[in-house]
Amino acid sequence: MSSKKKIGIVIVVAVLAITFMTVAFLTTQTNTDYYTQIDNRWVTDIAPHGAMNYKYTLVAYDESGNAKDVTFETSKVLTDGAYLCLRVAPIRGVVTWAEMQFDELPSSVQEKYKE
Protein backbone atom coordinates (compact mmCIF):
# COMPACT_ATOMS: atom_id res chain seq x y z
CA MET A 1 0.00 0.00 0.00
CA SER A 2 1.39 3.40 -0.92
CA SER A 3 2.10 6.03 1.70
CA LYS A 4 -0.52 8.35 0.17
CA LYS A 5 -3.22 5.71 0.73
CA LYS A 6 -2.05 5.16 4.32
CA ILE A 7 -2.16 8.89 5.01
CA GLY A 8 -5.63 9.09 3.45
CA ILE A 9 -6.89 6.23 5.64
CA VAL A 10 -5.42 7.83 8.78
CA ILE A 11 -7.11 11.14 7.93
CA VAL A 12 -10.49 9.47 7.34
CA VAL A 13 -10.23 7.51 10.61
CA ALA A 14 -9.24 10.69 12.51
CA VAL A 15 -12.17 12.66 11.08
CA LEU A 16 -14.59 9.86 11.95
CA ALA A 17 -13.21 9.60 15.48
CA ILE A 18 -13.49 13.37 16.06
CA THR A 19 -17.03 13.39 14.65
CA PHE A 20 -18.04 10.49 16.90
CA MET A 21 -16.56 12.14 20.01
CA THR A 22 -18.29 15.45 19.23
CA VAL A 23 -21.68 13.79 18.74
CA ALA A 24 -21.21 11.72 21.90
CA PHE A 25 -20.34 14.86 23.89
CA LEU A 26 -23.28 16.87 22.59
CA THR A 27 -25.79 14.10 23.26
CA THR A 28 -24.69 13.83 26.90
CA GLN A 29 -25.25 17.54 27.50
CA THR A 30 -28.66 18.32 28.94
CA ASN A 31 -30.82 21.36 28.39
CA THR A 32 -31.44 23.61 31.37
CA ASP A 33 -34.61 25.57 32.05
CA TYR A 34 -34.18 29.23 32.99
CA TYR A 35 -36.97 31.57 33.99
CA THR A 36 -37.21 35.27 33.24
CA GLN A 37 -39.62 38.18 33.10
CA ILE A 38 -39.90 40.20 29.90
CA ASP A 39 -38.69 43.77 30.21
CA ASN A 40 -39.08 45.51 26.87
CA ARG A 41 -36.50 48.12 27.83
CA TRP A 42 -33.97 45.42 26.87
CA VAL A 43 -35.30 44.47 23.43
CA THR A 44 -33.36 45.57 20.37
CA ASP A 45 -34.21 45.46 16.68
CA ILE A 46 -31.88 43.23 14.69
CA ALA A 47 -31.33 42.72 10.99
CA PRO A 48 -33.95 40.13 10.07
CA HIS A 49 -32.73 36.60 9.54
CA GLY A 50 -35.34 33.94 9.11
CA ALA A 51 -38.31 35.07 11.15
CA MET A 52 -36.20 36.69 13.87
CA ASN A 53 -36.41 40.48 14.13
CA TYR A 54 -35.79 41.18 17.84
CA LYS A 55 -33.17 40.28 20.42
CA TYR A 56 -33.56 40.17 24.20
CA THR A 57 -30.81 39.96 26.80
CA LEU A 58 -32.36 39.40 30.21
CA VAL A 59 -31.38 38.08 33.62
CA ALA A 60 -32.81 34.58 34.00
CA TYR A 61 -32.78 32.14 36.92
CA ASP A 62 -32.41 28.38 37.06
CA GLU A 63 -34.54 26.23 39.40
CA SER A 64 -32.15 26.96 42.27
CA GLY A 65 -32.40 30.71 41.78
CA ASN A 66 -28.92 31.14 40.27
CA ALA A 67 -28.80 34.11 37.90
CA LYS A 68 -27.45 34.12 34.35
CA ASP A 69 -27.69 36.62 31.49
CA VAL A 70 -29.52 34.92 28.63
CA THR A 71 -29.82 36.24 25.09
CA PHE A 72 -32.47 35.03 22.66
CA GLU A 73 -34.19 36.18 19.50
CA THR A 74 -37.88 36.42 18.67
CA SER A 75 -40.08 37.22 15.72
CA LYS A 76 -42.14 39.77 17.68
CA VAL A 77 -41.91 42.06 20.68
CA LEU A 78 -43.12 40.01 23.63
CA THR A 79 -45.65 41.06 26.26
CA ASP A 80 -43.96 43.32 28.79
CA GLY A 81 -44.01 41.72 32.25
CA ALA A 82 -44.74 38.19 30.98
CA TYR A 83 -42.87 35.29 32.56
CA LEU A 84 -41.03 32.84 30.33
CA CYS A 85 -39.43 29.46 30.69
CA LEU A 86 -36.36 29.39 28.42
CA ARG A 87 -34.92 26.00 27.45
CA VAL A 88 -31.16 26.58 27.11
CA ALA A 89 -28.93 24.04 25.37
CA PRO A 90 -25.15 23.98 25.67
CA ILE A 91 -23.48 25.70 22.72
CA ARG A 92 -26.78 26.44 20.93
CA GLY A 93 -28.28 28.71 23.60
CA VAL A 94 -32.06 29.20 23.86
CA VAL A 95 -33.79 26.54 21.79
CA THR A 96 -37.40 27.10 22.94
CA TRP A 97 -39.37 29.37 25.19
CA ALA A 98 -42.87 29.30 26.62
CA GLU A 99 -44.93 31.86 28.49
CA MET A 100 -46.04 30.86 31.97
CA GLN A 101 -47.88 32.24 34.98
CA PHE A 102 -46.15 33.51 38.12
CA ASP A 103 -47.51 30.64 40.23
CA GLU A 104 -45.98 28.12 37.78
CA LEU A 105 -42.44 29.41 38.43
CA PRO A 106 -40.22 27.46 40.85
CA SER A 107 -40.47 28.96 44.34
CA SER A 108 -36.81 30.03 44.29
CA VAL A 109 -37.53 32.03 41.13
CA GLN A 110 -40.77 33.47 42.54
CA GLU A 111 -38.67 34.90 45.38
CA LYS A 112 -36.65 36.86 42.82
CA TYR A 113 -39.74 38.47 41.30
CA LYS A 114 -42.13 38.78 44.27
CA GLU A 115 -45.26 40.24 42.74
C-alpha atoms as a PDB file:
ATOM      1  CA  MET A   1       0.000   0.000   0.000  1.00  0.00           C
ATOM      2  CA  SER A   2       1.389   3.405  -0.924  1.00  0.00           C
ATOM      3  CA  SER A   3       2.104   6.026   1.698  1.00  0.00           C
ATOM      4  CA  LYS A   4      -0.521   8.351   0.167  1.00  0.00           C
ATOM      5  CA  LYS A   5      -3.223   5.713   0.728  1.00  0.00           C
ATOM      6  CA  LYS A   6      -2.047   5.156   4.319  1.00  0.00           C
ATOM      7  CA  ILE A   7      -2.159   8.894   5.012  1.00  0.00           C
ATOM      8  CA  GLY A   8      -5.630   9.087   3.455  1.00  0.00           C
ATOM      9  CA  ILE A   9      -6.888   6.234   5.637  1.00  0.00           C
ATOM     10  CA  VAL A  10      -5.418   7.832   8.776  1.00  0.00           C
ATOM     11  CA  ILE A  11      -7.105  11.141   7.934  1.00  0.00           C
ATOM     12  CA  VAL A  12     -10.490   9.466   7.338  1.00  0.00           C
ATOM     13  CA  VAL A  13     -10.230   7.512  10.610  1.00  0.00           C
ATOM     14  CA  ALA A  14      -9.242  10.689  12.505  1.00  0.00           C
ATOM     15  CA  VAL A  15     -12.166  12.659  11.077  1.00  0.00           C
ATOM     16  CA  LEU A  16     -14.595   9.861  11.945  1.00  0.00           C
ATOM     17  CA  ALA A  17     -13.205   9.605  15.484  1.00  0.00           C
ATOM     18  CA  ILE A  18     -13.486  13.366  16.058  1.00  0.00           C
ATOM     19  CA  THR A  19     -17.026  13.393  14.655  1.00  0.00           C
ATOM     20  CA  PHE A  20     -18.037  10.485  16.900  1.00  0.00           C
ATOM     21  CA  MET A  21     -16.565  12.138  20.010  1.00  0.00           C
ATOM     22  CA  THR A  22     -18.287  15.450  19.232  1.00  0.00           C
ATOM     23  CA  VAL A  23     -21.680  13.793  18.740  1.00  0.00           C
ATOM     24  CA  ALA A  24     -21.205  11.720  21.898  1.00  0.00           C
ATOM     25  CA  PHE A  25     -20.338  14.859  23.895  1.00  0.00           C
ATOM     26  CA  LEU A  26     -23.278  16.868  22.595  1.00  0.00           C
ATOM     27  CA  THR A  27     -25.795  14.103  23.261  1.00  0.00           C
ATOM     28  CA  THR A  28     -24.689  13.831  26.903  1.00  0.00           C
ATOM     29  CA  GLN A  29     -25.250  17.544  27.504  1.00  0.00           C
ATOM     30  CA  THR A  30     -28.660  18.322  28.942  1.00  0.00           C
ATOM     31  CA  ASN A  31     -30.822  21.359  28.392  1.00  0.00           C
ATOM     32  CA  THR A  32     -31.440  23.605  31.372  1.00  0.00           C
ATOM     33  CA  ASP A  33     -34.606  25.568  32.048  1.00  0.00           C
ATOM     34  CA  TYR A  34     -34.184  29.230  32.986  1.00  0.00           C
ATOM     35  CA  TYR A  35     -36.971  31.572  33.992  1.00  0.00           C
ATOM     36  CA  THR A  36     -37.212  35.269  33.237  1.00  0.00           C
ATOM     37  CA  GLN A  37     -39.621  38.179  33.096  1.00  0.00           C
ATOM     38  CA  ILE A  38     -39.904  40.201  29.902  1.00  0.00           C
ATOM     39  CA  ASP A  39     -38.686  43.770  30.215  1.00  0.00           C
ATOM     40  CA  ASN A  40     -39.079  45.512  26.871  1.00  0.00           C
ATOM     41  CA  ARG A  41     -36.495  48.121  27.826  1.00  0.00           C
ATOM     42  CA  TRP A  42     -33.969  45.421  26.874  1.00  0.00           C
ATOM     43  CA  VAL A  43     -35.304  44.468  23.431  1.00  0.00           C
ATOM     44  CA  THR A  44     -33.365  45.566  20.366  1.00  0.00           C
ATOM     45  CA  ASP A  45     -34.212  45.458  16.679  1.00  0.00           C
ATOM     46  CA  ILE A  46     -31.883  43.233  14.685  1.00  0.00           C
ATOM     47  CA  ALA A  47     -31.326  42.721  10.989  1.00  0.00           C
ATOM     48  CA  PRO A  48     -33.951  40.127  10.071  1.00  0.00           C
ATOM     49  CA  HIS A  49     -32.730  36.597   9.541  1.00  0.00           C
ATOM     50  CA  GLY A  50     -35.338  33.938   9.109  1.00  0.00           C
ATOM     51  CA  ALA A  51     -38.312  35.073  11.148  1.00  0.00           C
ATOM     52  CA  MET A  52     -36.203  36.691  13.869  1.00  0.00           C
ATOM     53  CA  ASN A  53     -36.406  40.478  14.134  1.00  0.00           C
ATOM     54  CA  TYR A  54     -35.791  41.184  17.843  1.00  0.00           C
ATOM     55  CA  LYS A  55     -33.168  40.279  20.418  1.00  0.00           C
ATOM     56  CA  TYR A  56     -33.555  40.169  24.198  1.00  0.00           C
ATOM     57  CA  THR A  57     -30.809  39.958  26.803  1.00  0.00           C
ATOM     58  CA  LEU A  58     -32.358  39.402  30.215  1.00  0.00           C
ATOM     59  CA  VAL A  59     -31.383  38.076  33.621  1.00  0.00           C
ATOM     60  CA  ALA A  60     -32.808  34.585  34.003  1.00  0.00           C
ATOM     61  CA  TYR A  61     -32.782  32.144  36.918  1.00  0.00           C
ATOM     62  CA  ASP A  62     -32.413  28.380  37.060  1.00  0.00           C
ATOM     63  CA  GLU A  63     -34.545  26.228  39.400  1.00  0.00           C
ATOM     64  CA  SER A  64     -32.145  26.957  42.274  1.00  0.00           C
ATOM     65  CA  GLY A  65     -32.403  30.713  41.781  1.00  0.00           C
ATOM     66  CA  ASN A  66     -28.922  31.138  40.271  1.00  0.00           C
ATOM     67  CA  ALA A  67     -28.796  34.112  37.902  1.00  0.00           C
ATOM     68  CA  LYS A  68     -27.445  34.124  34.355  1.00  0.00           C
ATOM     69  CA  ASP A  69     -27.688  36.620  31.492  1.00  0.00           C
ATOM     70  CA  VAL A  70     -29.516  34.917  28.634  1.00  0.00           C
ATOM     71  CA  THR A  71     -29.816  36.244  25.089  1.00  0.00           C
ATOM     72  CA  PHE A  72     -32.469  35.033  22.663  1.00  0.00           C
ATOM     73  CA  GLU A  73     -34.186  36.185  19.504  1.00  0.00           C
ATOM     74  CA  THR A  74     -37.880  36.417  18.671  1.00  0.00           C
ATOM     75  CA  SER A  75     -40.084  37.220  15.723  1.00  0.00           C
ATOM     76  CA  LYS A  76     -42.145  39.766  17.677  1.00  0.00           C
ATOM     77  CA  VAL A  77     -41.908  42.057  20.678  1.00  0.00           C
ATOM     78  CA  LEU A  78     -43.117  40.008  23.634  1.00  0.00           C
ATOM     79  CA  THR A  79     -45.647  41.059  26.261  1.00  0.00           C
ATOM     80  CA  ASP A  80     -43.965  43.323  28.794  1.00  0.00           C
ATOM     81  CA  GLY A  81     -44.015  41.719  32.251  1.00  0.00           C
ATOM     82  CA  ALA A  82     -44.743  38.194  30.977  1.00  0.00           C
ATOM     83  CA  TYR A  83     -42.866  35.289  32.563  1.00  0.00           C
ATOM     84  CA  LEU A  84     -41.027  32.842  30.331  1.00  0.00           C
ATOM     85  CA  CYS A  85     -39.426  29.458  30.686  1.00  0.00           C
ATOM     86  CA  LEU A  86     -36.364  29.389  28.423  1.00  0.00           C
ATOM     87  CA  ARG A  87     -34.918  25.995  27.454  1.00  0.00           C
ATOM     88  CA  VAL A  88     -31.162  26.578  27.107  1.00  0.00           C
ATOM     89  CA  ALA A  89     -28.928  24.041  25.367  1.00  0.00           C
ATOM     90  CA  PRO A  90     -25.146  23.977  25.672  1.00  0.00           C
ATOM     91  CA  ILE A  91     -23.476  25.699  22.723  1.00  0.00           C
ATOM     92  CA  ARG A  92     -26.782  26.442  20.926  1.00  0.00           C
ATOM     93  CA  GLY A  93     -28.282  28.708  23.595  1.00  0.00           C
ATOM     94  CA  VAL A  94     -32.059  29.204  23.864  1.00  0.00           C
ATOM     95  CA  VAL A  95     -33.794  26.540  21.792  1.00  0.00           C
ATOM     96  CA  THR A  96     -37.398  27.100  22.935  1.00  0.00           C
ATOM     97  CA  TRP A  97     -39.367  29.371  25.193  1.00  0.00           C
ATOM     98  CA  ALA A  98     -42.871  29.298  26.621  1.00  0.00           C
ATOM     99  CA  GLU A  99     -44.935  31.864  28.486  1.00  0.00           C
ATOM    100  CA  MET A 100     -46.045  30.860  31.972  1.00  0.00           C
ATOM    101  CA  GLN A 101     -47.884  32.235  34.984  1.00  0.00           C
ATOM    102  CA  PHE A 102     -46.150  33.511  38.121  1.00  0.00           C
ATOM    103  CA  ASP A 103     -47.511  30.637  40.231  1.00  0.00           C
ATOM    104  CA  GLU A 104     -45.977  28.122  37.780  1.00  0.00           C
ATOM    105  CA  LEU A 105     -42.443  29.409  38.432  1.00  0.00           C
ATOM    106  CA  PRO A 106     -40.224  27.461  40.854  1.00  0.00           C
ATOM    107  CA  SER A 107     -40.469  28.964  44.343  1.00  0.00           C
ATOM    108  CA  SER A 108     -36.812  30.030  44.287  1.00  0.00           C
ATOM    109  CA  VAL A 109     -37.534  32.033  41.125  1.00  0.00           C
ATOM    110  CA  GLN A 110     -40.768  33.473  42.538  1.00  0.00           C
ATOM    111  CA  GLU A 111     -38.672  34.905  45.381  1.00  0.00           C
ATOM    112  CA  LYS A 112     -36.647  36.864  42.819  1.00  0.00           C
ATOM    113  CA  TYR A 113     -39.745  38.469  41.299  1.00  0.00           C
ATOM    114  CA  LYS A 114     -42.125  38.782  44.274  1.00  0.00           C
ATOM    115  CA  GLU A 115     -45.262  40.242  42.736  1.00  0.00           C
END
